[in-house]
């Protein structure tokens, strides 16, 4: 089950708020471009297209788009931001760069309707509140900038292809852990996720996913706390949150090939996520007073696969 090369671009639309493990759970190339014998039953396919689906083919996808995201996590103001992305597959192993996230699946993906085990490293640049100029609310801006945190870790997952709609739909479950190595928030983040994708044809695919993040105390206090000095500067009340489940996120995506099919050529990708902050994170003055516990992200982009 090789990762479809276009799908990481679709996830890039939502990567700023979705779990990084989602990038590992793309469906196989066969899901959007079945082998010749299957294509004969579902629609026309040239020999070149059929050959492109063969296991082991090296691929490279580059793309970019724009996303409409909250000014900071928990903000009720949004802004547009560019979103680059890339994905490659060599010998069944894939790597993905999605905006501020990077990951790699070190286990080659088997072919056909079967189980797919996933394992590899992940890294995230945490850009939350790193640019005061991008924050419209003056109270939150008065709390000051937070340096970019580099979070590094890994993930494990399992997927099954051929469940409901065809031999090519896929359900995946994974969990990741990453830890700040730059001593900005000095803590770790656990993130379980589940997602389902299914092809509509050799040119279109849809997917849905859900995830959550569980963080430690220092993360909560760095991004959602208000110190006495911060209270004086911003006018927001002092707040010292504790760690725990930070959020729950749901999302969806749609991809359509503008040229060729979804394993080669130019594709349009769109996606959205809805995130709800929970517990102390929703009660933080940055959210309850200056922002909102309900955060939406929308995005669209183009991906070119070679």
C-alpha atoms as a PDB file:
ATOM      1  CA  UNK A   1       0.000   0.000   0.000  1.00  0.00           C
ATOM      2  CA  UNK A   2       2.112   2.806  -1.255  1.00  0.00           C
ATOM      3  CA  UNK A   3       1.241   6.308  -0.116  1.00  0.00           C
ATOM      4  CA  UNK A   4      -0.602   8.306  -2.750  1.00  0.00           C
ATOM      5  CA  UNK A   5       1.780  11.106  -3.715  1.00  0.00           C
ATOM      6  CA  UNK A   6      -0.877  13.821  -3.902  1.00  0.00           C
ATOM      7  CA  UNK A   7      -2.446  13.314  -0.506  1.00  0.00           C
ATOM      8  CA  UNK A   8       0.247  14.936   1.660  1.00  0.00           C
ATOM      9  CA  UNK A   9      -0.526  18.188  -0.166  1.00  0.00           C
ATOM     10  CA  UNK A  10      -4.125  17.818   0.881  1.00  0.00           C
ATOM     11  CA  UNK A  11      -3.016  17.291   4.445  1.00  0.00           C
ATOM     12  CA  UNK A  12      -0.791  20.348   4.166  1.00  0.00           C
ATOM     13  CA  UNK A  13      -3.952  22.405   3.915  1.00  0.00           C
ATOM     14  CA  UNK A  14      -4.820  21.250   7.414  1.00  0.00           C
ATOM     15  CA  UNK A  15      -1.411  20.458   8.848  1.00  0.00           C
ATOM     16  CA  UNK A  16      -1.188  23.494  11.088  1.00  0.00           C
ATOM     17  CA  UNK A  17      -3.970  22.142  13.274  1.00  0.00           C
ATOM     18  CA  UNK A  18      -4.064  18.437  12.522  1.00  0.00           C
ATOM     19  CA  UNK A  19      -1.886  15.780  14.056  1.00  0.00           C
ATOM     20  CA  UNK A  20       1.365  15.122  12.176  1.00  0.00           C
ATOM     21  CA  UNK A  21       0.674  11.398  12.224  1.00  0.00           C
ATOM     22  CA  UNK A  22      -2.041  11.974   9.662  1.00  0.00           C
ATOM     23  CA  UNK A  23       0.622  12.541   7.080  1.00  0.00           C
ATOM     24  CA  UNK A  24       1.599   8.893   7.446  1.00  0.00           C
ATOM     25  CA  UNK A  25      -1.863   7.562   6.732  1.00  0.00           C
ATOM     26  CA  UNK A  26      -2.254   8.366   3.065  1.00  0.00           C
ATOM     27  CA  UNK A  27      -3.912   5.676   0.935  1.00  0.00           C
ATOM     28  CA  UNK A  28      -1.976   3.566  -1.548  1.00  0.00           C
ATOM     29  CA  UNK A  29      -1.416   4.745  -5.092  1.00  0.00           C
ATOM     30  CA  UNK A  30      -3.568   1.810  -6.200  1.00  0.00           C
ATOM     31  CA  UNK A  31      -6.496   3.456  -4.392  1.00  0.00           C
ATOM     32  CA  UNK A  32      -6.610   6.287  -6.897  1.00  0.00           C
ATOM     33  CA  UNK A  33      -5.051   4.505  -9.828  1.00  0.00           C
ATOM     34  CA  UNK A  34      -5.963   0.780  -9.835  1.00  0.00           C
ATOM     35  CA  UNK A  35      -3.963  -1.733 -11.853  1.00  0.00           C
ATOM     36  CA  UNK A  36      -5.028  -2.258 -15.448  1.00  0.00           C
ATOM     37  CA  UNK A  37      -7.393  -5.156 -14.774  1.00  0.00           C
ATOM     38  CA  UNK A  38      -9.310  -3.188 -12.152  1.00  0.00           C
ATOM     39  CA  UNK A  39      -9.281  -0.020 -14.257  1.00  0.00           C
ATOM     40  CA  UNK A  40     -10.906  -1.936 -17.070  1.00  0.00           C
ATOM     41  CA  UNK A  41     -13.954  -2.361 -14.835  1.00  0.00           C
ATOM     42  CA  UNK A  42     -14.033   1.175 -13.457  1.00  0.00           C
ATOM     43  CA  UNK A  43     -12.900   3.317 -16.393  1.00  0.00           C
ATOM     44  CA  UNK A  44     -10.205   3.738 -19.067  1.00  0.00           C
ATOM     45  CA  UNK A  45      -6.547   3.445 -18.127  1.00  0.00           C
ATOM     46  CA  UNK A  46      -3.528   3.588 -20.383  1.00  0.00           C
ATOM     47  CA  UNK A  47      -0.535   1.282 -20.061  1.00  0.00           C
ATOM     48  CA  UNK A  48       1.480   4.228 -18.781  1.00  0.00           C
ATOM     49  CA  UNK A  49      -1.034   4.934 -15.999  1.00  0.00           C
ATOM     50  CA  UNK A  50      -1.226   1.275 -15.019  1.00  0.00           C
ATOM     51  CA  UNK A  51       2.560   1.037 -14.868  1.00  0.00           C
ATOM     52  CA  UNK A  52       2.687   4.098 -12.602  1.00  0.00           C
ATOM     53  CA  UNK A  53       0.813   2.190  -9.934  1.00  0.00           C
ATOM     54  CA  UNK A  54       3.365  -0.606  -9.734  1.00  0.00           C
ATOM     55  CA  UNK A  55       4.963  -1.107  -6.324  1.00  0.00           C
ATOM     56  CA  UNK A  56       8.404   0.373  -5.867  1.00  0.00           C
ATOM     57  CA  UNK A  57       8.022   3.254  -8.316  1.00  0.00           C
ATOM     58  CA  UNK A  58       9.895   6.320  -7.085  1.00  0.00           C
ATOM     59  CA  UNK A  59       7.810   9.486  -6.897  1.00  0.00           C
ATOM     60  CA  UNK A  60       8.127  13.135  -6.059  1.00  0.00           C
ATOM     61  CA  UNK A  61       5.275  15.536  -5.436  1.00  0.00           C
ATOM     62  CA  UNK A  62       5.718  19.247  -4.820  1.00  0.00           C
ATOM     63  CA  UNK A  63       2.967  21.696  -4.161  1.00  0.00           C
ATOM     64  CA  UNK A  64       1.735  24.698  -2.327  1.00  0.00           C
ATOM     65  CA  UNK A  65      -1.388  26.542  -1.365  1.00  0.00           C
ATOM     66  CA  UNK A  66      -2.913  28.949   1.086  1.00  0.00           C
ATOM     67  CA  UNK A  67      -4.686  28.344   4.376  1.00  0.00           C
ATOM     68  CA  UNK A  68      -7.020  30.517   6.429  1.00  0.00           C
ATOM     69  CA  UNK A  69      -5.911  29.905  10.024  1.00  0.00           C
ATOM     70  CA  UNK A  70      -6.400  31.436  13.502  1.00  0.00           C
ATOM     71  CA  UNK A  71      -3.896  34.163  14.466  1.00  0.00           C
ATOM     72  CA  UNK A  72      -2.826  31.902  17.341  1.00  0.00           C
ATOM     73  CA  UNK A  73      -4.184  28.701  18.829  1.00  0.00           C
ATOM     74  CA  UNK A  74      -7.472  29.730  20.415  1.00  0.00           C
ATOM     75  CA  UNK A  75      -7.857  33.017  18.517  1.00  0.00           C
ATOM     76  CA  UNK A  76     -11.162  34.266  17.118  1.00  0.00           C
ATOM     77  CA  UNK A  77      -9.315  36.195  14.388  1.00  0.00           C
ATOM     78  CA  UNK A  78      -8.002  34.540  11.224  1.00  0.00           C
ATOM     79  CA  UNK A  79      -5.397  35.286   8.566  1.00  0.00           C
ATOM     80  CA  UNK A  80      -4.125  33.857   5.299  1.00  0.00           C
ATOM     81  CA  UNK A  81      -0.782  32.069   5.201  1.00  0.00           C
ATOM     82  CA  UNK A  82       1.179  30.307   2.425  1.00  0.00           C
ATOM     83  CA  UNK A  83       1.617  26.565   2.780  1.00  0.00           C
ATOM     84  CA  UNK A  84       4.416  24.641   0.980  1.00  0.00           C
ATOM     85  CA  UNK A  85       4.492  20.851   0.840  1.00  0.00           C
ATOM     86  CA  UNK A  86       6.443  17.947  -0.651  1.00  0.00           C
ATOM     87  CA  UNK A  87       6.260  14.162  -0.652  1.00  0.00           C
ATOM     88  CA  UNK A  88       8.484  11.420  -2.020  1.00  0.00           C
ATOM     89  CA  UNK A  89       8.425   7.630  -2.203  1.00  0.00           C
ATOM     90  CA  UNK A  90      11.480   5.429  -2.736  1.00  0.00           C
ATOM     91  CA  UNK A  91      11.462   1.625  -2.423  1.00  0.00           C
ATOM     92  CA  UNK A  92       8.066   1.767  -0.722  1.00  0.00           C
ATOM     93  CA  UNK A  93       9.232   4.201   1.975  1.00  0.00           C
ATOM     94  CA  UNK A  94       7.872   7.727   1.979  1.00  0.00           C
ATOM     95  CA  UNK A  95       8.749  11.132   3.396  1.00  0.00           C
ATOM     96  CA  UNK A  96       6.478  14.129   3.787  1.00  0.00           C
ATOM     97  CA  UNK A  97       7.002  17.827   4.448  1.00  0.00           C
ATOM     98  CA  UNK A  98       3.769  19.664   5.303  1.00  0.00           C
ATOM     99  CA  UNK A  99       4.181  23.324   6.110  1.00  0.00           C
ATOM    100  CA  UNK A 100       5.780  23.267   9.557  1.00  0.00           C
ATOM    101  CA  UNK A 101       5.862  19.446   9.835  1.00  0.00           C
ATOM    102  CA  UNK A 102       8.063  16.672   8.497  1.00  0.00           C
ATOM    103  CA  UNK A 103       7.767  12.898   8.818  1.00  0.00           C
ATOM    104  CA  UNK A 104       8.958   9.642   7.303  1.00  0.00           C
ATOM    105  CA  UNK A 105       7.543   6.130   7.133  1.00  0.00           C
ATOM    106  CA  UNK A 106      10.498   3.745   7.447  1.00  0.00           C
ATOM    107  CA  UNK A 107       8.497   0.583   6.753  1.00  0.00           C
ATOM    108  CA  UNK A 108       7.953  -0.262   3.071  1.00  0.00           C
ATOM    109  CA  UNK A 109       4.273  -0.501   2.211  1.00  0.00           C
ATOM    110  CA  UNK A 110       2.910  -3.848   0.957  1.00  0.00           C
ATOM    111  CA  UNK A 111       0.626  -4.096  -2.071  1.00  0.00           C
ATOM    112  CA  UNK A 112      -2.979  -5.182  -2.289  1.00  0.00           C
ATOM    113  CA  UNK A 113      -5.824  -5.196   0.266  1.00  0.00           C
ATOM    114  CA  UNK A 114      -3.898  -6.006   3.436  1.00  0.00           C
ATOM    115  CA  UNK A 115      -2.542  -4.618   6.701  1.00  0.00           C
ATOM    116  CA  UNK A 116      -0.035  -1.771   6.670  1.00  0.00           C
ATOM    117  CA  UNK A 117       2.280  -1.191   9.649  1.00  0.00           C
ATOM    118  CA  UNK A 118       3.767   2.286  10.007  1.00  0.00           C
ATOM    119  CA  UNK A 119       6.737   3.556  11.992  1.00  0.00           C
ATOM    120  CA  UNK A 120       9.038   6.539  11.729  1.00  0.00           C
ATOM    121  CA  UNK A 121      10.236   9.930  12.958  1.00  0.00           C
ATOM    122  CA  UNK A 122       8.271  13.188  13.068  1.00  0.00           C
ATOM    123  CA  UNK A 123       9.372  16.782  13.619  1.00  0.00           C
ATOM    124  CA  UNK A 124       7.322  19.948  14.072  1.00  0.00           C
ATOM    125  CA  UNK A 125       8.220  23.630  14.214  1.00  0.00           C
ATOM    126  CA  UNK A 126       5.798  25.081  16.768  1.00  0.00           C
ATOM    127  CA  UNK A 127       5.064  28.568  15.420  1.00  0.00           C
ATOM    128  CA  UNK A 128       2.275  29.425  17.856  1.00  0.00           C
ATOM    129  CA  UNK A 129       2.612  33.126  18.858  1.00  0.00           C
ATOM    130  CA  UNK A 130       6.062  33.483  17.286  1.00  0.00           C
ATOM    131  CA  UNK A 131       5.059  36.638  15.378  1.00  0.00           C
ATOM    132  CA  UNK A 132       3.336  39.448  17.294  1.00  0.00           C
ATOM    133  CA  UNK A 133       2.610  41.310  14.061  1.00  0.00           C
ATOM    134  CA  UNK A 134       0.334  38.432  12.999  1.00  0.00           C
ATOM    135  CA  UNK A 135      -1.787  38.692  16.176  1.00  0.00           C
ATOM    136  CA  UNK A 136      -4.637  41.164  15.848  1.00  0.00           C
ATOM    137  CA  UNK A 137      -5.778  41.162  19.491  1.00  0.00           C
ATOM    138  CA  UNK A 138      -3.640  43.757  21.351  1.00  0.00           C
ATOM    139  CA  UNK A 139      -4.038  41.962  24.696  1.00  0.00           C
ATOM    140  CA  UNK A 140      -2.517  38.739  23.406  1.00  0.00           C
ATOM    141  CA  UNK A 141       0.153  40.641  21.473  1.00  0.00           C
ATOM    142  CA  UNK A 142       1.093  42.411  24.719  1.00  0.00           C
ATOM    143  CA  UNK A 143       2.047  39.054  26.233  1.00  0.00           C
ATOM    144  CA  UNK A 144       5.028  39.018  23.877  1.00  0.00           C
ATOM    145  CA  UNK A 145       6.454  36.652  21.314  1.00  0.00           C
ATOM    146  CA  UNK A 146       7.373  33.051  22.031  1.00  0.00           C
ATOM    147  CA  UNK A 147      10.427  31.623  20.304  1.00  0.00           C
ATOM    148  CA  UNK A 148       9.929  28.823  17.802  1.00  0.00           C
ATOM    149  CA  UNK A 149       9.996  25.421  19.485  1.00  0.00           C
ATOM    150  CA  UNK A 150      11.378  22.386  17.644  1.00  0.00           C
ATOM    151  CA  UNK A 151       9.451  19.251  18.604  1.00  0.00           C
ATOM    152  CA  UNK A 152      10.990  15.908  17.616  1.00  0.00           C
ATOM    153  CA  UNK A 153       9.680  12.393  18.122  1.00  0.00           C
ATOM    154  CA  UNK A 154       8.145   9.434  16.356  1.00  0.00           C
ATOM    155  CA  UNK A 155       4.954   7.572  15.606  1.00  0.00           C
ATOM    156  CA  UNK A 156       3.537   4.080  15.141  1.00  0.00           C
ATOM    157  CA  UNK A 157       0.411   3.144  13.271  1.00  0.00           C
ATOM    158  CA  UNK A 158      -1.571   0.437  11.567  1.00  0.00           C
ATOM    159  CA  UNK A 159      -3.845   0.625   8.548  1.00  0.00           C
ATOM    160  CA  UNK A 160      -6.144  -1.701   6.628  1.00  0.00           C
ATOM    161  CA  UNK A 161      -6.967  -1.361   2.951  1.00  0.00           C
ATOM    162  CA  UNK A 162     -10.100  -2.792   1.338  1.00  0.00           C
ATOM    163  CA  UNK A 163     -12.776  -2.391   3.995  1.00  0.00           C
ATOM    164  CA  UNK A 164     -16.014  -0.781   2.824  1.00  0.00           C
ATOM    165  CA  UNK A 165     -16.266   0.815  -0.607  1.00  0.00           C
ATOM    166  CA  UNK A 166     -13.644  -1.120  -2.585  1.00  0.00           C
ATOM    167  CA  UNK A 167     -10.276  -2.849  -2.422  1.00  0.00           C
ATOM    168  CA  UNK A 168      -8.676   0.589  -2.250  1.00  0.00           C
ATOM    169  CA  UNK A 169     -10.288   2.459   0.625  1.00  0.00           C
ATOM    170  CA  UNK A 170      -8.206   2.653   3.796  1.00  0.00           C
ATOM    171  CA  UNK A 171      -8.723   3.063   7.545  1.00  0.00           C
ATOM    172  CA  UNK A 172      -5.690   3.957   9.676  1.00  0.00           C
ATOM    173  CA  UNK A 173      -5.038   4.462  13.384  1.00  0.00           C
ATOM    174  CA  UNK A 174      -1.801   5.923  14.738  1.00  0.00           C
ATOM    175  CA  UNK A 175      -0.245   7.600  17.749  1.00  0.00           C
ATOM    176  CA  UNK A 176       2.705   9.984  17.844  1.00  0.00           C
ATOM    177  CA  UNK A 177       4.884  11.507  20.542  1.00  0.00           C
ATOM    178  CA  UNK A 178       7.169  14.490  20.164  1.00  0.00           C
ATOM    179  CA  UNK A 179       9.172  16.533  22.675  1.00  0.00           C
ATOM    180  CA  UNK A 180      10.534  20.071  22.616  1.00  0.00           C
ATOM    181  CA  UNK A 181      14.315  19.857  22.079  1.00  0.00           C
ATOM    182  CA  UNK A 182      14.839  23.643  22.133  1.00  0.00           C
ATOM    183  CA  UNK A 183      13.714  24.173  25.757  1.00  0.00           C
ATOM    184  CA  UNK A 184      10.949  26.620  24.832  1.00  0.00           C
ATOM    185  CA  UNK A 185       8.086  24.746  26.491  1.00  0.00           C
ATOM    186  CA  UNK A 186      10.245  21.812  27.678  1.00  0.00           C
ATOM    187  CA  UNK A 187       7.482  19.248  27.417  1.00  0.00           C
ATOM    188  CA  UNK A 188       5.948  16.515  25.300  1.00  0.00           C
ATOM    189  CA  UNK A 189       2.847  16.047  23.194  1.00  0.00           C
ATOM    190  CA  UNK A 190       0.960  12.790  22.615  1.00  0.00           C
ATOM    191  CA  UNK A 191      -1.371  12.663  19.617  1.00  0.00           C
ATOM    192  CA  UNK A 192      -3.638   9.749  18.626  1.00  0.00           C
ATOM    193  CA  UNK A 193      -5.406   9.933  15.269  1.00  0.00           C
ATOM    194  CA  UNK A 194      -7.781   8.000  13.039  1.00  0.00           C
ATOM    195  CA  UNK A 195      -8.567   8.622   9.385  1.00  0.00           C
ATOM    196  CA  UNK A 196     -10.430   7.099   6.481  1.00  0.00           C
ATOM    197  CA  UNK A 197      -9.938   7.729   2.757  1.00  0.00           C
ATOM    198  CA  UNK A 198     -11.742   6.357  -0.253  1.00  0.00           C
ATOM    199  CA  UNK A 199     -11.358   6.951  -3.995  1.00  0.00           C
ATOM    200  CA  UNK A 200     -14.376   8.106  -5.982  1.00  0.00           C
ATOM    201  CA  UNK A 201     -12.608   7.394  -9.289  1.00  0.00           C
ATOM    202  CA  UNK A 202      -9.088   7.470 -10.729  1.00  0.00           C
ATOM    203  CA  UNK A 203      -9.351  11.283 -10.596  1.00  0.00           C
ATOM    204  CA  UNK A 204     -11.029  12.033  -7.243  1.00  0.00           C
ATOM    205  CA  UNK A 205     -10.650  11.053  -3.594  1.00  0.00           C
ATOM    206  CA  UNK A 206     -12.247  12.120  -0.302  1.00  0.00           C
ATOM    207  CA  UNK A 207     -11.133  11.614   3.284  1.00  0.00           C
ATOM    208  CA  UNK A 208     -12.157  12.319   6.865  1.00  0.00           C
ATOM    209  CA  UNK A 209     -10.069  12.244  10.034  1.00  0.00           C
ATOM    210  CA  UNK A 210     -10.090  12.914  13.767  1.00  0.00           C
ATOM    211  CA  UNK A 211      -7.273  13.539  16.228  1.00  0.00           C
ATOM    212  CA  UNK A 212      -6.477  14.874  19.682  1.00  0.00           C
ATOM    213  CA  UNK A 213      -3.464  16.245  21.540  1.00  0.00           C
ATOM    214  CA  UNK A 214      -2.437  15.612  25.148  1.00  0.00           C
ATOM    215  CA  UNK A 215       0.214  17.984  26.515  1.00  0.00           C
ATOM    216  CA  UNK A 216       2.219  18.472  29.688  1.00  0.00           C
ATOM    217  CA  UNK A 217       2.024  21.326  32.226  1.00  0.00           C
ATOM    218  CA  UNK A 218       4.839  23.446  30.795  1.00  0.00           C
ATOM    219  CA  UNK A 219       3.266  23.405  27.335  1.00  0.00           C
ATOM    220  CA  UNK A 220      -0.039  24.560  28.796  1.00  0.00           C
ATOM    221  CA  UNK A 221       1.597  27.389  30.763  1.00  0.00           C
ATOM    222  CA  UNK A 222       3.816  28.545  27.888  1.00  0.00           C
ATOM    223  CA  UNK A 223       1.025  28.946  25.339  1.00  0.00           C
ATOM    224  CA  UNK A 224      -2.129  29.334  27.456  1.00  0.00           C
ATOM    225  CA  UNK A 225      -0.935  30.780  30.770  1.00  0.00           C
ATOM    226  CA  UNK A 226      -0.831  34.401  31.920  1.00  0.00           C
ATOM    227  CA  UNK A 227       1.891  35.344  34.420  1.00  0.00           C
ATOM    228  CA  UNK A 228       1.528  38.284  36.869  1.00  0.00           C
ATOM    229  CA  UNK A 229       3.809  40.368  34.632  1.00  0.00           C
ATOM    230  CA  UNK A 230       1.797  39.312  31.584  1.00  0.00           C
ATOM    231  CA  UNK A 231      -1.411  40.287  33.355  1.00  0.00           C
ATOM    232  CA  UNK A 232      -0.096  43.790  33.997  1.00  0.00           C
ATOM    233  CA  UNK A 233       0.989  44.179  30.369  1.00  0.00           C
ATOM    234  CA  UNK A 234      -2.156  42.766  28.786  1.00  0.00           C
ATOM    235  CA  UNK A 235      -4.984  43.387  31.227  1.00  0.00           C
ATOM    236  CA  UNK A 236      -5.863  39.677  31.136  1.00  0.00           C
ATOM    237  CA  UNK A 237      -6.217  37.890  34.497  1.00  0.00           C
ATOM    238  CA  UNK A 238      -3.438  35.696  35.878  1.00  0.00           C
ATOM    239  CA  UNK A 239      -3.957  32.086  34.831  1.00  0.00           C
ATOM    240  CA  UNK A 240      -1.881  28.966  35.506  1.00  0.00           C
ATOM    241  CA  UNK A 241      -3.237  26.009  33.506  1.00  0.00           C
ATOM    242  CA  UNK A 242      -2.381  22.358  33.951  1.00  0.00           C
ATOM    243  CA  UNK A 243      -1.640  19.831  31.228  1.00  0.00           C
ATOM    244  CA  UNK A 244      -4.018  17.224  29.884  1.00  0.00           C
ATOM    245  CA  UNK A 245      -6.145  16.821  26.799  1.00  0.00           C
ATOM    246  CA  UNK A 246      -5.801  20.067  24.902  1.00  0.00           C
ATOM    247  CA  UNK A 247      -8.239  19.557  22.043  1.00  0.00           C
ATOM    248  CA  UNK A 248     -10.166  17.342  19.705  1.00  0.00           C
ATOM    249  CA  UNK A 249      -9.985  17.910  15.952  1.00  0.00           C
ATOM    250  CA  UNK A 250     -12.124  16.758  13.022  1.00  0.00           C
ATOM    251  CA  UNK A 251     -11.491  17.393   9.346  1.00  0.00           C
ATOM    252  CA  UNK A 252     -12.058  16.446   5.766  1.00  0.00           C
ATOM    253  CA  UNK A 253     -10.402  16.758   2.364  1.00  0.00           C
ATOM    254  CA  UNK A 254     -11.181  16.453  -1.315  1.00  0.00           C
ATOM    255  CA  UNK A 255      -8.685  15.958  -4.140  1.00  0.00           C
ATOM    256  CA  UNK A 256      -9.271  16.096  -7.900  1.00  0.00           C
ATOM    257  CA  UNK A 257      -6.811  15.510 -10.739  1.00  0.00           C
ATOM    258  CA  UNK A 258      -6.764  18.395 -13.201  1.00  0.00           C
ATOM    259  CA  UNK A 259      -4.450  16.546 -15.581  1.00  0.00           C
ATOM    260  CA  UNK A 260      -3.837  12.824 -15.882  1.00  0.00           C
ATOM    261  CA  UNK A 261      -4.897  11.002 -12.733  1.00  0.00           C
ATOM    262  CA  UNK A 262      -4.069  11.278  -9.066  1.00  0.00           C
ATOM    263  CA  UNK A 263      -0.740   9.459  -9.357  1.00  0.00           C
ATOM    264  CA  UNK A 264       0.752  11.748 -12.006  1.00  0.00           C
ATOM    265  CA  UNK A 265       0.141  15.298 -13.123  1.00  0.00           C
ATOM    266  CA  UNK A 266      -1.508  18.328 -11.567  1.00  0.00           C
ATOM    267  CA  UNK A 267      -4.125  17.995  -8.827  1.00  0.00           C
ATOM    268  CA  UNK A 268      -6.363  20.415  -6.921  1.00  0.00           C
ATOM    269  CA  UNK A 269      -6.644  19.791  -3.181  1.00  0.00           C
ATOM    270  CA  UNK A 270      -8.976  21.357  -0.637  1.00  0.00           C
ATOM    271  CA  UNK A 271      -9.487  20.698   3.050  1.00  0.00           C
ATOM    272  CA  UNK A 272     -10.817  21.947   6.360  1.00  0.00           C
ATOM    273  CA  UNK A 273     -10.455  21.235  10.071  1.00  0.00           C
ATOM    274  CA  UNK A 274     -12.492  22.060  13.135  1.00  0.00           C
ATOM    275  CA  UNK A 275     -10.694  22.116  16.478  1.00  0.00           C
ATOM    276  CA  UNK A 276     -12.357  22.443  19.885  1.00  0.00           C
ATOM    277  CA  UNK A 277     -10.148  23.375  22.830  1.00  0.00           C
ATOM    278  CA  UNK A 278     -10.950  21.623  26.109  1.00  0.00           C
ATOM    279  CA  UNK A 279     -10.449  22.001  29.871  1.00  0.00           C
ATOM    280  CA  UNK A 280      -7.930  24.567  31.079  1.00  0.00           C
ATOM    281  CA  UNK A 281      -7.054  25.379  27.470  1.00  0.00           C
ATOM    282  CA  UNK A 282     -10.601  26.519  26.736  1.00  0.00           C
ATOM    283  CA  UNK A 283     -10.719  28.385  30.069  1.00  0.00           C
ATOM    284  CA  UNK A 284      -7.509  30.304  29.402  1.00  0.00           C
ATOM    285  CA  UNK A 285      -8.035  34.106  29.151  1.00  0.00           C
ATOM    286  CA  UNK A 286      -6.349  33.970  25.730  1.00  0.00           C
ATOM    287  CA  UNK A 287      -9.278  31.810  24.623  1.00  0.00           C
ATOM    288  CA  UNK A 288     -12.259  32.495  26.909  1.00  0.00           C
ATOM    289  CA  UNK A 289     -11.807  36.306  26.947  1.00  0.00           C
ATOM    290  CA  UNK A 290      -9.693  37.220  23.922  1.00  0.00           C
ATOM    291  CA  UNK A 291     -10.444  34.318  21.589  1.00  0.00           C
ATOM    292  CA  UNK A 292     -12.637  31.274  21.053  1.00  0.00           C
ATOM    293  CA  UNK A 293     -12.484  27.590  21.922  1.00  0.00           C
ATOM    294  CA  UNK A 294     -13.828  26.824  18.420  1.00  0.00           C
ATOM    295  CA  UNK A 295     -11.145  27.094  15.719  1.00  0.00           C
ATOM    296  CA  UNK A 296     -11.660  26.509  11.993  1.00  0.00           C
ATOM    297  CA  UNK A 297      -9.067  26.202   9.246  1.00  0.00           C
ATOM    298  CA  UNK A 298      -9.722  26.183   5.494  1.00  0.00           C
ATOM    299  CA  UNK A 299      -7.286  25.796   2.652  1.00  0.00           C
ATOM    300  CA  UNK A 300      -6.672  24.924  -0.976  1.00  0.00           C
ATOM    301  CA  UNK A 301      -3.657  24.262  -3.157  1.00  0.00           C
ATOM    302  CA  UNK A 302      -2.142  22.603  -6.199  1.00  0.00           C
ATOM    303  CA  UNK A 303       0.141  19.563  -6.279  1.00  0.00           C
ATOM    304  CA  UNK A 304       2.345  18.406  -9.149  1.00  0.00           C
ATOM    305  CA  UNK A 305       3.454  14.779  -9.199  1.00  0.00           C
ATOM    306  CA  UNK A 306       6.377  13.618 -11.341  1.00  0.00           C
END
